[in-house]
Amino acid sequence: MRRLKEHRAAGHDKALVVLPTGLGKTTLFIEDVVQFVKEHPKAKIMVVVDMQFLASQIADEFEKGWQRARKKD
């Protein structure tokens, strides 16, 4: 997450994260989106996935991520 934050702080609005299965790509993505929405409250985010089970997984993880973010504030 640190390197992604540094990348964003350098003014980059796109990033490619490559990690093996199970090392936290979804968690990293959600933390990045939560931070982005905090900085841009009127932003709209669209997530596109190619399988229904991924959509369900990401929706569940987003719910958990938002709850964690609220607890931190």
N, C-alpha and C. Protein backbone atom coordinates (compact mmCIF):
# COMPACT_ATOMS: atom_id res chain seq x y z
N MET A 1 0.83 -1.19 0.00
CA MET A 1 0.00 0.00 0.00
C MET A 1 0.87 1.25 0.00
N ARG A 2 2.01 1.17 0.68
CA ARG A 2 2.89 2.33 0.75
C ARG A 2 3.32 2.79 -0.63
N ARG A 3 3.72 1.84 -1.48
CA ARG A 3 4.18 2.21 -2.82
C ARG A 3 3.04 2.77 -3.66
N LEU A 4 1.85 2.25 -3.48
CA LEU A 4 0.70 2.78 -4.20
C LEU A 4 0.41 4.21 -3.76
N LYS A 5 0.49 4.47 -2.47
CA LYS A 5 0.27 5.83 -1.95
C LYS A 5 1.33 6.79 -2.51
N GLU A 6 2.57 6.34 -2.55
CA GLU A 6 3.64 7.17 -3.11
C GLU A 6 3.37 7.45 -4.59
N HIS A 7 2.92 6.45 -5.30
CA HIS A 7 2.59 6.58 -6.72
C HIS A 7 1.49 7.62 -6.91
N ARG A 8 0.45 7.54 -6.09
CA ARG A 8 -0.66 8.50 -6.15
C ARG A 8 -0.17 9.91 -5.78
N ALA A 9 0.66 10.00 -4.74
CA ALA A 9 1.17 11.31 -4.30
C ALA A 9 2.02 11.97 -5.37
N ALA A 10 2.61 11.17 -6.24
CA ALA A 10 3.42 11.72 -7.33
C ALA A 10 2.56 12.22 -8.48
N GLY A 11 1.23 12.12 -8.32
CA GLY A 11 0.32 12.65 -9.31
C GLY A 11 -0.20 11.65 -10.33
N HIS A 12 0.12 10.38 -10.14
CA HIS A 12 -0.36 9.36 -11.07
C HIS A 12 -1.78 8.95 -10.71
N ASP A 13 -2.66 8.87 -11.71
CA ASP A 13 -4.03 8.48 -11.43
C ASP A 13 -4.33 7.04 -11.85
N LYS A 14 -3.33 6.34 -12.37
CA LYS A 14 -3.50 4.95 -12.76
C LYS A 14 -2.34 4.15 -12.19
N ALA A 15 -2.63 2.88 -11.88
CA ALA A 15 -1.59 2.01 -11.38
C ALA A 15 -1.93 0.57 -11.75
N LEU A 16 -0.92 -0.23 -11.91
CA LEU A 16 -1.10 -1.65 -12.17
C LEU A 16 -0.45 -2.40 -11.02
N VAL A 17 -1.24 -3.23 -10.34
CA VAL A 17 -0.75 -4.02 -9.21
C VAL A 17 -0.78 -5.48 -9.63
N VAL A 18 0.35 -6.14 -9.53
CA VAL A 18 0.44 -7.56 -9.87
C VAL A 18 0.89 -8.32 -8.64
N LEU A 19 0.02 -9.19 -8.14
CA LEU A 19 0.32 -10.02 -6.98
C LEU A 19 -0.25 -11.42 -7.22
N PRO A 20 0.38 -12.44 -6.66
CA PRO A 20 -0.18 -13.78 -6.78
C PRO A 20 -1.51 -13.89 -6.04
N THR A 21 -2.25 -14.93 -6.37
CA THR A 21 -3.53 -15.20 -5.71
C THR A 21 -3.35 -15.25 -4.20
N GLY A 22 -4.26 -14.58 -3.49
CA GLY A 22 -4.28 -14.66 -2.04
C GLY A 22 -3.39 -13.67 -1.31
N LEU A 23 -2.73 -12.77 -2.03
CA LEU A 23 -1.84 -11.82 -1.34
C LEU A 23 -2.44 -10.43 -1.16
N GLY A 24 -3.74 -10.27 -1.44
CA GLY A 24 -4.40 -9.04 -1.04
C GLY A 24 -4.69 -8.00 -2.10
N LYS A 25 -4.83 -8.41 -3.36
CA LYS A 25 -5.16 -7.43 -4.40
C LYS A 25 -6.49 -6.74 -4.12
N THR A 26 -7.49 -7.52 -3.71
CA THR A 26 -8.81 -6.93 -3.44
C THR A 26 -8.74 -5.96 -2.28
N THR A 27 -8.05 -6.34 -1.22
CA THR A 27 -7.91 -5.46 -0.05
C THR A 27 -7.17 -4.18 -0.42
N LEU A 28 -6.10 -4.31 -1.17
CA LEU A 28 -5.34 -3.14 -1.62
C LEU A 28 -6.21 -2.23 -2.46
N PHE A 29 -6.96 -2.80 -3.37
CA PHE A 29 -7.87 -2.04 -4.24
C PHE A 29 -8.90 -1.28 -3.40
N ILE A 30 -9.49 -1.95 -2.44
CA ILE A 30 -10.53 -1.32 -1.63
C ILE A 30 -9.93 -0.18 -0.79
N GLU A 31 -8.77 -0.40 -0.20
CA GLU A 31 -8.13 0.67 0.58
C GLU A 31 -7.81 1.87 -0.30
N ASP A 32 -7.38 1.61 -1.51
CA ASP A 32 -7.08 2.70 -2.45
C ASP A 32 -8.36 3.47 -2.80
N VAL A 33 -9.44 2.75 -3.06
CA VAL A 33 -10.71 3.40 -3.41
C VAL A 33 -11.25 4.19 -2.22
N VAL A 34 -11.18 3.63 -1.03
CA VAL A 34 -11.66 4.34 0.17
C VAL A 34 -10.90 5.66 0.33
N GLN A 35 -9.59 5.62 0.17
CA GLN A 35 -8.79 6.84 0.28
C GLN A 35 -9.16 7.83 -0.81
N PHE A 36 -9.34 7.34 -2.03
CA PHE A 36 -9.71 8.20 -3.15
C PHE A 36 -11.05 8.89 -2.88
N VAL A 37 -12.02 8.14 -2.39
CA VAL A 37 -13.35 8.71 -2.14
C VAL A 37 -13.29 9.72 -0.99
N LYS A 38 -12.43 9.48 -0.01
CA LYS A 38 -12.27 10.46 1.07
C LYS A 38 -11.75 11.79 0.51
N GLU A 39 -10.83 11.68 -0.46
CA GLU A 39 -10.25 12.88 -1.05
C GLU A 39 -11.16 13.51 -2.11
N HIS A 40 -12.04 12.71 -2.70
CA HIS A 40 -12.95 13.17 -3.76
C HIS A 40 -14.37 12.66 -3.45
N PRO A 41 -15.05 13.27 -2.48
CA PRO A 41 -16.33 12.74 -1.99
C PRO A 41 -17.42 12.63 -3.06
N LYS A 42 -17.34 13.38 -4.12
CA LYS A 42 -18.39 13.31 -5.14
C LYS A 42 -18.04 12.32 -6.26
N ALA A 43 -16.91 11.64 -6.11
CA ALA A 43 -16.47 10.69 -7.14
C ALA A 43 -17.41 9.51 -7.24
N LYS A 44 -17.48 8.96 -8.42
CA LYS A 44 -18.23 7.74 -8.65
C LYS A 44 -17.24 6.67 -9.10
N ILE A 45 -17.41 5.49 -8.56
CA ILE A 45 -16.50 4.38 -8.84
C ILE A 45 -17.29 3.26 -9.53
N MET A 46 -16.73 2.74 -10.60
CA MET A 46 -17.34 1.61 -11.27
C MET A 46 -16.34 0.46 -11.26
N VAL A 47 -16.80 -0.70 -10.84
CA VAL A 47 -15.96 -1.89 -10.81
C VAL A 47 -16.52 -2.86 -11.84
N VAL A 48 -15.66 -3.32 -12.73
CA VAL A 48 -16.07 -4.26 -13.77
C VAL A 48 -15.32 -5.57 -13.54
N VAL A 49 -16.05 -6.66 -13.45
CA VAL A 49 -15.45 -7.98 -13.28
C VAL A 49 -16.05 -8.92 -14.32
N ASP A 50 -15.36 -10.02 -14.58
CA ASP A 50 -15.83 -10.91 -15.63
C ASP A 50 -16.57 -12.15 -15.11
N MET A 51 -16.72 -12.25 -13.79
CA MET A 51 -17.44 -13.40 -13.24
C MET A 51 -18.32 -12.95 -12.08
N GLN A 52 -19.52 -13.53 -11.98
CA GLN A 52 -20.47 -13.15 -10.95
C GLN A 52 -19.90 -13.35 -9.55
N PHE A 53 -19.19 -14.46 -9.33
CA PHE A 53 -18.67 -14.69 -7.97
C PHE A 53 -17.66 -13.62 -7.57
N LEU A 54 -16.94 -13.07 -8.54
CA LEU A 54 -16.01 -11.97 -8.22
C LEU A 54 -16.79 -10.73 -7.81
N ALA A 55 -17.91 -10.48 -8.47
CA ALA A 55 -18.74 -9.33 -8.11
C ALA A 55 -19.23 -9.46 -6.67
N SER A 56 -19.69 -10.65 -6.30
CA SER A 56 -20.16 -10.89 -4.93
C SER A 56 -19.02 -10.74 -3.93
N GLN A 57 -17.86 -11.29 -4.27
CA GLN A 57 -16.71 -11.20 -3.38
C GLN A 57 -16.30 -9.74 -3.16
N ILE A 58 -16.23 -8.99 -4.23
CA ILE A 58 -15.81 -7.58 -4.11
C ILE A 58 -16.85 -6.77 -3.35
N ALA A 59 -18.13 -7.03 -3.59
CA ALA A 59 -19.18 -6.32 -2.86
C ALA A 59 -19.07 -6.59 -1.35
N ASP A 60 -18.85 -7.85 -0.99
CA ASP A 60 -18.69 -8.20 0.43
C ASP A 60 -17.45 -7.51 1.01
N GLU A 61 -16.35 -7.55 0.28
CA GLU A 61 -15.11 -6.93 0.75
C GLU A 61 -15.25 -5.41 0.86
N PHE A 62 -15.99 -4.79 -0.07
CA PHE A 62 -16.22 -3.34 0.03
C PHE A 62 -16.98 -3.00 1.30
N GLU A 63 -17.99 -3.79 1.61
CA GLU A 63 -18.76 -3.53 2.83
C GLU A 63 -17.85 -3.57 4.05
N LYS A 64 -16.99 -4.58 4.12
CA LYS A 64 -16.05 -4.69 5.24
C LYS A 64 -15.06 -3.52 5.23
N GLY A 65 -14.59 -3.15 4.05
CA GLY A 65 -13.64 -2.05 3.93
C GLY A 65 -14.22 -0.73 4.38
N TRP A 66 -15.47 -0.45 4.00
CA TRP A 66 -16.11 0.80 4.43
C TRP A 66 -16.28 0.82 5.93
N GLN A 67 -16.65 -0.33 6.50
CA GLN A 67 -16.81 -0.40 7.96
C GLN A 67 -15.48 -0.13 8.68
N ARG A 68 -14.39 -0.73 8.18
CA ARG A 68 -13.07 -0.49 8.77
C ARG A 68 -12.69 0.99 8.64
N ALA A 69 -12.97 1.58 7.50
CA ALA A 69 -12.61 2.98 7.27
C ALA A 69 -13.37 3.89 8.23
N ARG A 70 -14.64 3.60 8.48
CA ARG A 70 -15.42 4.41 9.41
C ARG A 70 -14.89 4.31 10.82
N LYS A 71 -14.42 3.12 11.20
CA LYS A 71 -13.88 2.93 12.54
C LYS A 71 -12.59 3.71 12.72
N LYS A 72 -11.80 3.85 11.64
CA LYS A 72 -10.53 4.59 11.72
C LYS A 72 -10.75 6.08 11.87
N ASP A 73 -11.86 6.60 11.33
CA ASP A 73 -12.11 8.06 11.36
C ASP A 73 -12.56 8.55 12.69
